[in-house]
Amino acid sequence: MRQLPLGISQGAEPAFDNFVAGRNAEALARVRELSAGTLGERIVYLWGERGSGCSHLLGAAARANPALVTVDDVETLDAQGQHALFVAINEGAAVLAAGARPPAQLGIRADLATRLASGLVYQLVALGDEDKARHLKSVAAERGLQLSDDIVGYLLTRLPRDMASLRSVMEVLDRYSLMRKRPLTLPLVREALAEEILGGQPPSR
């Protein structure tokens, strides 16, 4: 089924409170502790597929504790970047790092991979449709909107599935509903997506 392009704002800055944990509750708790300086470990490494939430947690941790060393996409670091991260770890810095694969599979220098693996390592699992549906309804409720199951199903099958995009579309629907002074119905949602996102082209039904 064709997904709609979503050329709208990315919404709120990443924070712990707007991270939808799903099955990643333990990883969220440890990252919170690391950023607060209350975790016994100095290194937490996160990995997972795109959209699983690694970058969100790194952004949230960096905002909560600017002194924390945060490094995303570790596998893309050049030799200088890998050396700098290795030195930071050896000097005792608290480090939150993330990549697409476990440390041993990153293709980085072996001693850095070993250091990253020596801390806490969590694979983040992308949210399932049930988690996303609950979150969409929760975001809608915060805006005074009600989402029926048919609207939620429509959005989940036609929009990019990362949480930032799903939150952003709620901004569009909220604004459109207020502008038109009409409650959210499936026809209104189709109309809003066509006008606000597709530039007037009707979405597939």
Protein backbone atom coordinates (compact mmCIF):
# COMPACT_ATOMS: atom_id res chain seq x y z
CA MET A 1 0.00 0.00 0.00
CA ARG A 2 1.35 3.41 -0.99
CA GLN A 3 2.60 5.57 1.90
CA LEU A 4 2.05 9.30 1.89
CA PRO A 5 5.08 11.62 1.94
CA LEU A 6 5.15 13.69 5.12
CA GLY A 7 6.71 17.10 4.58
CA ILE A 8 5.75 18.62 7.91
CA SER A 9 7.46 19.64 11.14
CA GLN A 10 9.02 17.06 13.42
CA GLY A 11 7.18 18.28 16.51
CA ALA A 12 8.55 18.38 20.04
CA GLU A 13 12.24 18.07 20.87
CA PRO A 14 13.25 14.56 21.97
CA ALA A 15 12.75 14.08 25.70
CA PHE A 16 12.40 11.13 28.04
CA ASP A 17 8.77 12.01 28.69
CA ASN A 18 7.77 11.89 25.03
CA PHE A 19 9.63 8.64 24.29
CA VAL A 20 7.13 5.82 23.77
CA ALA A 21 8.95 2.91 25.39
CA GLY A 22 6.89 -0.11 24.41
CA ARG A 23 9.20 -3.08 24.97
CA ASN A 24 12.17 -0.73 25.60
CA ALA A 25 11.20 0.31 29.12
CA GLU A 26 14.34 -1.11 30.74
CA ALA A 27 16.64 0.65 28.27
CA LEU A 28 14.79 3.93 28.88
CA ALA A 29 15.20 3.54 32.65
CA ARG A 30 18.95 2.87 32.38
CA VAL A 31 19.51 5.82 30.02
CA ARG A 32 17.61 8.08 32.43
CA GLU A 33 19.87 6.88 35.26
CA LEU A 34 23.00 7.37 33.18
CA SER A 35 22.02 10.95 32.34
CA ALA A 36 21.20 11.61 36.01
CA GLY A 37 24.55 10.21 37.15
CA THR A 38 22.92 7.48 39.25
CA LEU A 39 23.79 4.45 37.13
CA GLY A 40 26.58 2.18 38.33
CA GLU A 41 27.82 1.68 34.76
CA ARG A 42 29.54 4.47 32.81
CA ILE A 43 28.73 3.15 29.33
CA VAL A 44 25.39 2.39 27.73
CA TYR A 45 25.24 1.27 24.12
CA LEU A 46 21.97 1.12 22.16
CA TRP A 47 21.40 -0.51 18.81
CA GLY A 48 18.46 -1.18 16.57
CA GLU A 49 16.88 -0.59 13.19
CA ARG A 50 15.99 2.87 11.95
CA GLY A 51 12.96 4.22 13.81
CA SER A 52 13.53 2.12 16.92
CA GLY A 53 14.27 5.19 19.06
CA CYS A 54 18.05 5.24 19.50
CA SER A 55 18.47 8.80 18.22
CA HIS A 56 15.51 10.00 20.29
CA LEU A 57 17.06 8.67 23.51
CA LEU A 58 20.47 10.15 22.66
CA GLY A 59 18.85 13.52 22.03
CA ALA A 60 16.86 13.34 25.25
CA ALA A 61 19.94 12.38 27.27
CA ALA A 62 22.05 15.15 25.75
CA ARG A 63 19.40 17.72 26.65
CA ALA A 64 19.10 16.35 30.21
CA ASN A 65 22.87 16.20 30.78
CA PRO A 66 25.07 18.20 28.38
CA ALA A 67 28.18 16.79 30.08
CA LEU A 68 27.27 13.27 28.96
CA VAL A 69 29.23 12.06 25.92
CA THR A 70 26.65 11.01 23.32
CA VAL A 71 27.60 9.47 19.98
CA ASP A 72 25.08 8.32 17.39
CA ASP A 73 25.79 6.10 14.37
CA VAL A 74 29.07 4.85 15.82
CA GLU A 75 29.72 2.73 12.73
CA THR A 76 30.13 5.92 10.67
CA LEU A 77 32.93 7.38 12.82
CA ASP A 78 36.22 7.93 11.02
CA ALA A 79 39.56 7.01 12.61
CA GLN A 80 39.79 10.34 14.43
CA GLY A 81 36.26 10.04 15.79
CA GLN A 82 36.85 6.49 16.98
CA HIS A 83 40.05 7.56 18.72
CA ALA A 84 38.27 10.46 20.46
CA LEU A 85 35.53 8.16 21.73
CA PHE A 86 38.08 5.58 22.91
CA VAL A 87 39.98 8.28 24.82
CA ALA A 88 36.78 9.63 26.41
CA ILE A 89 35.89 6.15 27.65
CA ASN A 90 39.39 5.52 28.98
CA GLU A 91 39.32 8.85 30.82
CA GLY A 92 36.20 7.80 32.70
CA ALA A 93 33.55 9.82 30.89
CA ALA A 94 29.92 8.72 31.04
CA VAL A 95 29.08 7.62 27.49
CA LEU A 96 25.83 6.92 25.70
CA ALA A 97 26.43 5.58 22.19
CA ALA A 98 24.26 4.05 19.51
CA GLY A 99 24.64 2.19 16.26
CA ALA A 100 22.84 -0.01 13.80
CA ARG A 101 24.36 -3.26 15.08
CA PRO A 102 25.89 -4.77 18.23
CA PRO A 103 29.42 -3.49 19.05
CA ALA A 104 31.22 -6.56 17.67
CA GLN A 105 29.51 -6.10 14.27
CA LEU A 106 30.15 -2.37 13.80
CA GLY A 107 33.37 -2.72 11.83
CA ILE A 108 35.19 -0.24 14.09
CA ARG A 109 38.56 -0.67 15.81
CA ALA A 110 38.50 -3.75 18.02
CA ASP A 111 39.52 -2.03 21.27
CA LEU A 112 36.66 0.52 20.94
CA ALA A 113 34.14 -2.22 20.17
CA THR A 114 35.33 -4.07 23.27
CA ARG A 115 34.94 -0.94 25.43
CA LEU A 116 31.40 -0.34 24.16
CA ALA A 117 30.46 -3.97 24.78
CA SER A 118 31.81 -3.79 28.34
CA GLY A 119 28.95 -1.55 29.48
CA LEU A 120 25.21 -2.10 29.24
CA VAL A 121 24.06 -3.04 25.74
CA TYR A 122 20.42 -2.85 24.70
CA GLN A 123 18.74 -3.67 21.44
CA LEU A 124 15.83 -1.28 20.95
CA VAL A 125 12.77 -2.88 19.43
CA ALA A 126 10.60 -0.81 17.10
CA LEU A 127 7.07 -0.24 18.35
CA GLY A 128 4.33 -2.53 17.13
CA ASP A 129 1.07 -1.27 15.66
CA GLU A 130 -0.77 -1.65 18.97
CA ASP A 131 1.76 0.59 20.76
CA LYS A 132 1.59 3.15 17.96
CA ALA A 133 -2.20 3.11 17.95
CA ARG A 134 -2.33 3.70 21.71
CA HIS A 135 0.17 6.53 21.40
CA LEU A 136 -1.71 8.20 18.55
CA LYS A 137 -4.93 8.10 20.58
CA SER A 138 -3.08 9.49 23.60
CA VAL A 139 -1.58 12.38 21.59
CA ALA A 140 -5.00 13.08 20.08
CA ALA A 141 -6.64 13.09 23.53
CA GLU A 142 -4.07 15.63 24.78
CA ARG A 143 -5.24 17.90 21.96
CA GLY A 144 -8.90 17.31 22.72
CA LEU A 145 -9.36 15.08 19.68
CA GLN A 146 -10.89 11.64 19.42
CA LEU A 147 -9.46 9.11 17.00
CA SER A 148 -11.63 6.20 15.94
CA ASP A 149 -10.03 2.85 15.16
CA ASP A 150 -10.67 3.30 11.43
CA ILE A 151 -8.78 6.62 11.44
CA VAL A 152 -5.87 5.09 13.35
CA GLY A 153 -5.70 2.16 10.93
CA TYR A 154 -5.80 4.54 7.98
CA LEU A 155 -2.92 6.64 9.36
CA LEU A 156 -0.75 3.64 10.23
CA THR A 157 -1.03 2.17 6.74
CA ARG A 158 -0.46 5.40 4.82
CA LEU A 159 2.08 7.40 6.80
CA PRO A 160 5.77 6.97 7.63
CA ARG A 161 5.78 4.74 10.70
CA ASP A 162 8.33 6.55 12.89
CA MET A 163 6.88 8.22 15.98
CA ALA A 164 8.06 11.73 15.08
CA SER A 165 6.08 11.59 11.84
CA LEU A 166 3.00 10.16 13.54
CA ARG A 167 3.11 12.90 16.21
CA SER A 168 3.56 15.53 13.53
CA VAL A 169 0.52 14.43 11.58
CA MET A 170 -1.56 14.98 14.70
CA GLU A 171 -0.51 18.64 14.57
CA VAL A 172 -1.79 18.81 11.01
CA LEU A 173 -5.10 17.11 11.85
CA ASP A 174 -5.62 19.26 14.95
CA ARG A 175 -5.02 22.46 12.98
CA TYR A 176 -7.19 21.32 10.08
CA SER A 177 -10.07 20.28 12.35
CA LEU A 178 -10.01 23.68 14.07
CA MET A 179 -9.80 25.52 10.77
CA ARG A 180 -12.75 23.63 9.31
CA LYS A 181 -14.64 23.59 12.66
CA ARG A 182 -15.41 19.92 12.09
CA PRO A 183 -14.70 16.85 14.23
CA LEU A 184 -12.19 14.31 12.99
CA THR A 185 -13.81 11.78 10.70
CA LEU A 186 -12.18 9.57 8.11
CA PRO A 187 -13.33 11.79 5.21
CA LEU A 188 -11.93 14.86 6.99
CA VAL A 189 -8.62 13.06 7.61
CA ARG A 190 -8.37 12.16 3.89
CA GLU A 191 -9.13 15.77 3.01
CA ALA A 192 -6.56 17.12 5.49
CA LEU A 193 -3.80 14.82 4.28
CA ALA A 194 -4.53 15.68 0.66
CA GLU A 195 -4.43 19.43 1.24
CA GLU A 196 -1.73 19.72 3.89
CA ILE A 197 0.67 16.94 2.86
CA LEU A 198 -0.02 15.95 -0.73
CA GLY A 199 -0.63 19.47 -1.99
CA GLY A 200 -4.16 18.79 -3.12
CA GLN A 201 -3.65 15.28 -4.55
CA PRO A 202 -6.23 12.84 -3.14
CA PRO A 203 -4.70 10.00 -1.08
CA SER A 204 -5.35 6.39 -2.02
CA ARG A 205 -8.37 4.88 -0.34
